[in-house]
Amino acid sequence: MKNKLTKIGVSALCGSLATISAAQAGEITVKGSAQTTYTKASTGTVGNPLGMNTGLTFVGSGELDGGTTVSYTLTHADKAAYSAGSLAIGTPSFGTFTISHASGGGGLGAYDDKMPTAWEETWGTGLTTGIKLVSGIGTSMNLQYTTPKVLGTTIAVAYAPAVGVADTADKASGVSENEKGKGYDATVNINPTLGTEILSGLNLFVGGHYVEHTTGSSTIQENLYEGTAGITYDLGPVSIGWQQSGHITGLEKSTTAVSHYRGHMYGISFNINDDLSVSYGHAESRKAGFVNMDSNSAAGDENARRVEASSVQLAYTMGGASIRVAETSAKNVGFSSGTDRDATVVSVSLAF
């Protein structure tokens, strides 16, 4: 009797394991990183200059019937603070559908800064510069469709039912930000190789963003728009790039409201060898106009209307370990005339 029960138990267990295995659509992997930094600013070191960033990224993938693939990415960055997630369904010939939440990087947000660099973006390495970047619906929960690549061209369109809703739980709904309603993004990325090796490193991109204005507290009076376009080119160990962007704020018509911003950035990086690289980057934003230019004293102050930043960086990688150094300087930080800052950042990081 005991042997019979044992056989039944083993058979039931095996059956259960088989059922669980069959129910799994794929596998999930975990990646981790840890980074320590030392930061010294021109204004003097305030408090402790040592910092640390740790994070985990969970990546799940699988394949459904007919060759359709499914992938999910969940990022816990900066000491496991929930930061981004996306679920993508890729069809064999029709393209990819992606649902992003938190800072998932959908829409125009994926093109806020495409410049080559040895380490980090020019505007965010050791200093809070105030450089105005495009974001589109990238910081809102959104649905995006990306076409298959045809003749080196990929087109993506994204939609956010309520701009400003970053992360909504299942079976729930979120509230949009201020008077912002629905948001729409469209981007085009072109790699026109045309069978020519010299063109294989050329990449062109352009994108736009539109948000419907809704009734509210009257801070925003018009629809909001963003746009960006740029070019990058890789030739052997050298990468160069240029990018232009613009914003129409839709703010109310007052003497202090900025009607629109415009900016540009450029960068160049050089891979000295497989482990060592250096780069230089520059970024600039300008308050291109006030709603009431005659009544705003800041409109005549060129420095108060422009903020710019430059960064020289070096990165050395040894397997999963990296040492990076950045020397960053900025003028008129936060659009404040004469507020210039410098910072040196040294980083040691490990990837697991």
Protein backbone atom coordinates (compact mmCIF):
# COMPACT_ATOMS: atom_id res chain seq x y z
CA MET A 1 0.00 0.00 0.00
CA LYS A 2 2.85 2.34 0.91
CA ASN A 3 4.59 1.68 -2.43
CA LYS A 4 1.37 2.39 -4.29
CA LEU A 5 0.94 5.69 -2.46
CA THR A 6 4.57 6.57 -3.17
CA LYS A 7 4.09 5.87 -6.88
CA ILE A 8 0.91 7.94 -6.92
CA GLY A 9 2.65 10.79 -5.12
CA VAL A 10 5.62 10.75 -7.48
CA SER A 11 3.32 10.57 -10.50
CA ALA A 12 1.26 13.48 -9.22
CA LEU A 13 4.40 15.50 -8.55
CA CYS A 14 5.80 14.82 -11.99
CA GLY A 15 2.48 15.77 -13.54
CA SER A 16 2.39 19.00 -11.58
CA LEU A 17 5.94 19.89 -12.63
CA ALA A 18 5.10 19.13 -16.24
CA THR A 19 2.06 21.39 -16.03
CA ILE A 20 4.10 24.23 -14.53
CA SER A 21 6.82 23.82 -17.14
CA ALA A 22 4.29 23.86 -19.96
CA ALA A 23 2.68 27.00 -18.57
CA GLN A 24 5.93 28.94 -18.67
CA ALA A 25 6.24 31.05 -21.84
CA GLY A 26 9.97 31.66 -21.40
CA GLU A 27 12.59 32.55 -18.85
CA ILE A 28 13.59 35.50 -16.70
CA THR A 29 17.11 36.72 -16.03
CA VAL A 30 18.43 39.21 -13.49
CA LYS A 31 21.23 41.70 -14.05
CA GLY A 32 22.76 43.90 -11.38
CA SER A 33 25.13 46.83 -11.03
CA ALA A 34 26.78 48.89 -8.32
CA GLN A 35 28.47 52.24 -8.70
CA THR A 36 30.37 54.43 -6.26
CA THR A 37 31.25 58.05 -7.05
CA TYR A 38 33.28 60.94 -5.71
CA THR A 39 31.94 64.36 -6.73
CA LYS A 40 33.57 67.73 -6.15
CA ALA A 41 31.84 70.92 -7.33
CA SER A 42 33.33 74.38 -7.84
CA THR A 43 31.14 75.75 -5.06
CA GLY A 44 32.96 73.50 -2.60
CA THR A 45 32.15 70.05 -1.31
CA VAL A 46 28.99 70.16 0.77
CA GLY A 47 28.55 67.23 3.13
CA ASN A 48 29.89 63.86 2.04
CA PRO A 49 31.15 63.73 -1.59
CA LEU A 50 30.86 59.93 -1.71
CA GLY A 51 27.81 58.44 -3.39
CA MET A 52 26.49 55.05 -4.43
CA ASN A 53 23.99 53.72 -6.92
CA THR A 54 22.84 50.09 -6.98
CA GLY A 55 20.24 48.51 -9.17
CA LEU A 56 18.64 45.37 -10.54
CA THR A 57 17.07 44.71 -13.92
CA PHE A 58 14.70 41.79 -14.47
CA VAL A 59 14.33 40.68 -18.09
CA GLY A 60 11.78 38.07 -19.11
CA SER A 61 11.45 36.66 -22.61
CA GLY A 62 9.54 33.96 -24.43
CA GLU A 63 7.98 32.90 -27.70
CA LEU A 64 4.33 32.26 -28.52
CA ASP A 65 2.76 30.32 -31.36
CA GLY A 66 3.54 31.58 -34.84
CA GLY A 67 6.91 33.07 -33.90
CA THR A 68 5.53 36.00 -31.89
CA THR A 69 7.93 36.99 -29.12
CA VAL A 70 7.15 38.46 -25.72
CA SER A 71 9.58 40.34 -23.49
CA TYR A 72 9.26 42.22 -20.21
CA THR A 73 11.80 44.52 -18.58
CA LEU A 74 11.55 45.79 -15.01
CA THR A 75 14.22 48.15 -13.74
CA HIS A 76 14.96 48.90 -10.10
CA ALA A 77 17.57 51.64 -10.30
CA ASP A 78 19.30 53.66 -7.60
CA LYS A 79 19.06 51.44 -4.51
CA ALA A 80 16.09 49.44 -5.83
CA ALA A 81 13.78 52.43 -6.32
CA TYR A 82 11.22 51.37 -8.93
CA SER A 83 12.00 53.37 -12.06
CA ALA A 84 10.88 51.76 -15.30
CA GLY A 85 9.08 48.84 -16.88
CA SER A 86 7.89 47.74 -20.30
CA LEU A 87 6.07 44.82 -21.90
CA ALA A 88 6.79 44.21 -25.60
CA ILE A 89 5.08 41.86 -28.05
CA GLY A 90 7.03 41.41 -31.27
CA THR A 91 5.32 39.83 -34.27
CA PRO A 92 7.33 38.12 -37.04
CA SER A 93 6.40 40.61 -39.78
CA PHE A 94 3.98 43.24 -38.44
CA GLY A 95 6.17 45.02 -35.91
CA THR A 96 6.28 45.41 -32.14
CA PHE A 97 3.70 46.61 -29.61
CA THR A 98 5.04 47.96 -26.32
CA ILE A 99 3.35 49.12 -23.13
CA SER A 100 5.65 51.28 -20.98
CA HIS A 101 5.21 52.66 -17.49
CA ALA A 102 7.22 54.88 -15.14
CA SER A 103 10.23 56.07 -17.19
CA GLY A 104 10.00 53.33 -19.77
CA GLY A 105 11.53 55.49 -22.50
CA GLY A 106 8.71 55.22 -25.03
CA GLY A 107 7.91 57.79 -27.69
CA LEU A 108 10.02 60.92 -27.99
CA GLY A 109 11.61 60.24 -24.59
CA ALA A 110 13.90 57.70 -26.25
CA TYR A 111 15.43 60.55 -28.27
CA ASP A 112 16.08 63.16 -25.56
CA ASP A 113 19.87 62.83 -26.06
CA LYS A 114 21.37 60.56 -28.73
CA MET A 115 24.87 62.04 -28.69
CA PRO A 116 27.91 59.74 -28.47
CA THR A 117 29.66 59.79 -25.10
CA ALA A 118 32.22 57.80 -23.17
CA TRP A 119 30.03 57.70 -20.07
CA GLU A 120 27.04 59.91 -19.26
CA GLU A 121 25.11 62.73 -20.89
CA THR A 122 26.78 66.15 -20.89
CA TRP A 123 23.96 67.86 -18.98
CA GLY A 124 23.71 65.40 -16.09
CA THR A 125 27.20 64.46 -14.91
CA GLY A 126 27.88 66.00 -11.51
CA LEU A 127 25.74 69.11 -12.09
CA THR A 128 22.05 69.96 -12.28
CA THR A 129 22.28 72.29 -15.25
CA GLY A 130 18.67 73.01 -16.18
CA ILE A 131 19.17 72.00 -19.83
CA LYS A 132 15.72 71.65 -21.43
CA LEU A 133 15.21 68.19 -22.94
CA VAL A 134 12.39 66.69 -24.97
CA SER A 135 10.48 63.97 -23.12
CA GLY A 136 7.23 63.48 -25.01
CA ILE A 137 5.05 60.83 -23.42
CA GLY A 138 8.11 58.88 -22.27
CA THR A 139 7.40 59.66 -18.60
CA SER A 140 3.70 58.69 -18.90
CA MET A 141 2.09 55.27 -19.20
CA ASN A 142 1.79 54.71 -22.94
CA LEU A 143 1.25 52.28 -25.79
CA GLN A 144 3.69 52.27 -28.70
CA TYR A 145 3.76 50.56 -32.08
CA THR A 146 7.07 50.16 -33.94
CA THR A 147 7.22 49.05 -37.56
CA PRO A 148 9.67 46.47 -38.84
CA LYS A 149 12.82 47.97 -40.36
CA VAL A 150 12.32 48.59 -44.08
CA LEU A 151 15.23 49.98 -46.16
CA GLY A 152 16.93 50.92 -42.93
CA THR A 153 13.91 52.91 -41.69
CA THR A 154 11.89 52.33 -38.51
CA ILE A 155 8.77 54.32 -37.61
CA ALA A 156 7.22 54.41 -34.13
CA VAL A 157 3.96 55.98 -32.97
CA ALA A 158 2.97 56.22 -29.31
CA TYR A 159 -0.16 57.24 -27.41
CA ALA A 160 -0.74 58.19 -23.76
CA PRO A 161 -4.40 58.47 -22.68
CA ALA A 162 -3.41 60.88 -19.87
CA VAL A 163 -0.05 62.67 -19.89
CA GLY A 164 1.58 62.75 -16.47
CA VAL A 165 0.32 59.35 -15.29
CA ALA A 166 3.60 57.49 -14.82
CA ASP A 167 2.57 54.25 -13.16
CA THR A 168 -0.96 52.91 -12.70
CA ALA A 169 -1.73 49.60 -11.01
CA ASP A 170 -3.84 46.98 -12.74
CA LYS A 171 -7.62 47.45 -12.57
CA ALA A 172 -7.09 51.14 -11.73
CA SER A 173 -6.91 54.51 -13.48
CA GLY A 174 -4.68 57.56 -13.02
CA VAL A 175 -5.18 61.32 -13.07
CA SER A 176 -3.50 63.43 -15.76
CA GLU A 177 -1.03 66.20 -14.93
CA ASN A 178 -2.54 69.70 -14.54
CA GLU A 179 -4.41 70.58 -17.74
CA LYS A 180 -2.64 68.03 -19.91
CA GLY A 181 -4.83 65.50 -21.69
CA LYS A 182 -4.02 62.93 -24.34
CA GLY A 183 -0.50 62.78 -25.76
CA TYR A 184 0.80 61.61 -29.12
CA ASP A 185 4.38 60.93 -30.29
CA ALA A 186 5.85 59.93 -33.64
CA THR A 187 9.50 59.15 -34.42
CA VAL A 188 11.43 58.08 -37.51
CA ASN A 189 14.88 56.48 -37.37
CA ILE A 190 16.87 55.93 -40.58
CA ASN A 191 20.05 53.94 -41.12
CA PRO A 192 20.47 54.31 -44.91
CA THR A 193 23.13 51.68 -45.55
CA LEU A 194 22.04 51.12 -49.17
CA GLY A 195 24.59 48.34 -49.40
CA THR A 196 27.47 50.80 -48.89
CA GLU A 197 29.84 50.11 -46.01
CA ILE A 198 30.73 53.78 -45.53
CA LEU A 199 27.05 54.57 -44.85
CA SER A 200 26.55 51.76 -42.32
CA GLY A 201 27.49 54.08 -39.46
CA LEU A 202 25.13 56.88 -40.49
CA ASN A 203 21.95 57.33 -38.46
CA LEU A 204 19.26 60.00 -38.90
CA PHE A 205 16.32 60.58 -36.56
CA VAL A 206 13.41 62.97 -36.18
CA GLY A 207 10.44 63.03 -33.81
CA GLY A 208 7.51 65.10 -32.64
CA HIS A 209 5.20 65.28 -29.60
CA TYR A 210 1.74 66.80 -29.12
CA VAL A 211 -0.38 67.13 -25.97
CA GLU A 212 -4.01 68.21 -25.94
CA HIS A 213 -4.79 71.11 -23.64
CA THR A 214 -7.76 70.53 -21.35
CA THR A 215 -9.66 72.90 -19.08
CA GLY A 216 -8.11 73.40 -15.65
CA SER A 217 -6.39 75.99 -13.49
CA SER A 218 -5.58 78.24 -16.47
CA THR A 219 -1.79 77.83 -16.17
CA ILE A 220 -1.71 76.26 -19.62
CA GLN A 221 -3.69 78.04 -22.32
CA GLU A 222 -2.69 76.25 -25.50
CA ASN A 223 -1.67 72.80 -26.75
CA LEU A 224 1.91 71.70 -26.05
CA TYR A 225 4.44 70.63 -28.69
CA GLU A 226 7.97 69.21 -28.72
CA GLY A 227 10.25 68.19 -31.53
CA THR A 228 13.79 66.99 -32.15
CA ALA A 229 16.01 65.94 -35.04
CA GLY A 230 19.59 64.82 -35.28
CA ILE A 231 22.34 62.84 -36.92
CA THR A 232 25.05 60.51 -35.65
CA TYR A 233 27.87 58.90 -37.59
CA ASP A 234 30.27 56.13 -36.65
CA LEU A 235 33.47 55.74 -38.63
CA GLY A 236 35.83 53.18 -37.17
CA PRO A 237 36.69 54.20 -33.59
CA VAL A 238 35.19 57.71 -33.93
CA SER A 239 31.55 58.67 -33.34
CA ILE A 240 30.13 62.17 -33.86
CA GLY A 241 26.64 63.61 -33.51
CA TRP A 242 24.47 66.74 -33.65
CA GLN A 243 20.92 67.23 -32.35
CA GLN A 244 18.42 70.12 -32.38
CA SER A 245 15.25 70.39 -30.29
CA GLY A 246 12.37 72.76 -29.61
CA HIS A 247 9.43 73.20 -27.20
CA ILE A 248 6.21 75.18 -27.35
CA THR A 249 5.06 75.41 -23.74
CA GLY A 250 1.42 76.46 -24.14
CA LEU A 251 1.75 78.58 -20.97
CA GLU A 252 -0.61 81.40 -20.10
CA LYS A 253 -0.01 84.84 -21.56
CA SER A 254 1.77 86.67 -18.76
CA THR A 255 4.97 88.70 -18.43
CA THR A 256 6.89 85.80 -16.85
CA ALA A 257 5.74 82.89 -19.01
CA VAL A 258 8.19 81.43 -21.51
CA SER A 259 6.43 80.75 -24.79
CA HIS A 260 9.03 78.35 -26.17
CA TYR A 261 12.51 76.90 -25.80
CA ARG A 262 15.04 75.81 -28.38
CA GLY A 263 18.33 74.01 -27.94
CA HIS A 264 21.07 71.95 -29.50
CA MET A 265 23.76 69.51 -28.48
CA TYR A 266 26.73 67.84 -30.09
CA GLY A 267 29.29 65.24 -29.12
CA ILE A 268 32.32 63.28 -30.28
CA SER A 269 33.78 60.09 -28.81
CA PHE A 270 36.90 58.10 -29.63
CA ASN A 271 37.54 54.47 -28.74
CA ILE A 272 41.28 54.36 -28.21
CA ASN A 273 41.05 50.59 -27.85
CA ASP A 274 38.49 47.99 -26.76
CA ASP A 275 38.76 49.11 -23.14
CA LEU A 276 39.54 52.86 -23.20
CA SER A 277 37.40 55.67 -24.63
CA VAL A 278 37.25 59.47 -24.36
CA SER A 279 34.59 61.99 -25.35
CA TYR A 280 33.61 65.65 -25.46
CA GLY A 281 30.03 66.90 -25.40
CA HIS A 282 28.24 70.24 -25.40
CA ALA A 283 24.56 71.04 -24.75
CA GLU A 284 22.72 74.36 -24.80
CA SER A 285 19.15 75.53 -24.10
CA ARG A 286 17.69 78.95 -24.78
CA LYS A 287 14.49 80.64 -23.73
CA ALA A 288 13.66 81.59 -27.27
CA GLY A 289 10.91 84.03 -26.36
CA PHE A 290 8.61 85.29 -23.64
CA VAL A 291 4.91 85.75 -24.21
CA ASN A 292 5.26 89.43 -23.32
CA MET A 293 8.79 90.45 -24.33
CA ASP A 294 8.33 94.17 -23.52
CA SER A 295 7.20 93.64 -19.93
CA ASN A 296 9.74 91.00 -18.90
CA SER A 297 13.09 92.38 -17.79
CA ALA A 298 14.69 88.95 -18.14
CA ALA A 299 13.87 88.98 -21.84
CA GLY A 300 16.67 91.50 -22.39
CA ASP A 301 19.25 89.57 -20.32
CA GLU A 302 21.02 87.27 -22.73
CA ASN A 303 22.64 85.22 -19.94
CA ALA A 304 19.32 84.65 -18.16
CA ARG A 305 17.89 83.30 -21.38
CA ARG A 306 20.60 80.72 -22.06
CA VAL A 307 22.17 77.81 -20.17
CA GLU A 308 25.00 75.71 -21.59
CA ALA A 309 27.13 72.80 -20.41
CA SER A 310 30.25 71.01 -21.61
CA SER A 311 31.79 67.74 -20.43
CA VAL A 312 35.07 65.91 -21.06
CA GLN A 313 34.91 62.25 -20.12
CA LEU A 314 37.14 59.17 -19.96
CA ALA A 315 36.06 55.57 -19.41
CA TYR A 316 38.17 52.44 -18.88
CA THR A 317 36.56 49.00 -18.70
CA MET A 318 38.09 45.80 -17.32
CA GLY A 319 35.58 43.04 -17.87
CA GLY A 320 32.64 43.81 -15.58
CA ALA A 321 34.44 46.66 -13.82
CA SER A 322 34.69 50.26 -15.07
CA ILE A 323 36.49 53.41 -13.99
CA ARG A 324 35.09 56.67 -15.33
CA VAL A 325 36.03 60.33 -14.96
CA ALA A 326 34.04 63.39 -16.04
CA GLU A 327 34.99 67.07 -15.93
CA THR A 328 31.82 69.13 -16.44
CA SER A 329 31.28 72.88 -16.58
CA ALA A 330 28.07 74.88 -16.98
CA LYS A 331 27.17 78.54 -17.48
CA ASN A 332 24.02 80.31 -16.26
CA VAL A 333 22.81 77.18 -14.45
CA GLY A 334 19.03 77.07 -14.20
CA PHE A 335 18.80 80.13 -16.50
CA SER A 336 20.30 82.25 -13.72
CA SER A 337 22.63 84.94 -15.08
CA GLY A 338 26.24 84.56 -13.92
CA THR A 339 25.64 81.27 -12.09
CA ASP A 340 28.54 79.20 -13.39
CA ARG A 341 29.45 75.79 -11.99
CA ASP A 342 32.16 73.13 -12.46
CA ALA A 343 32.26 69.56 -11.21
CA THR A 344 34.63 66.61 -11.27
CA VAL A 345 33.18 63.12 -10.90
CA VAL A 346 35.14 59.89 -10.47
CA SER A 347 33.20 56.62 -10.66
CA VAL A 348 34.00 52.96 -10.03
CA SER A 349 31.29 50.52 -11.07
CA LEU A 350 30.67 46.78 -11.30
CA ALA A 351 28.20 44.93 -13.51
CA PHE A 352 26.91 41.48 -12.58
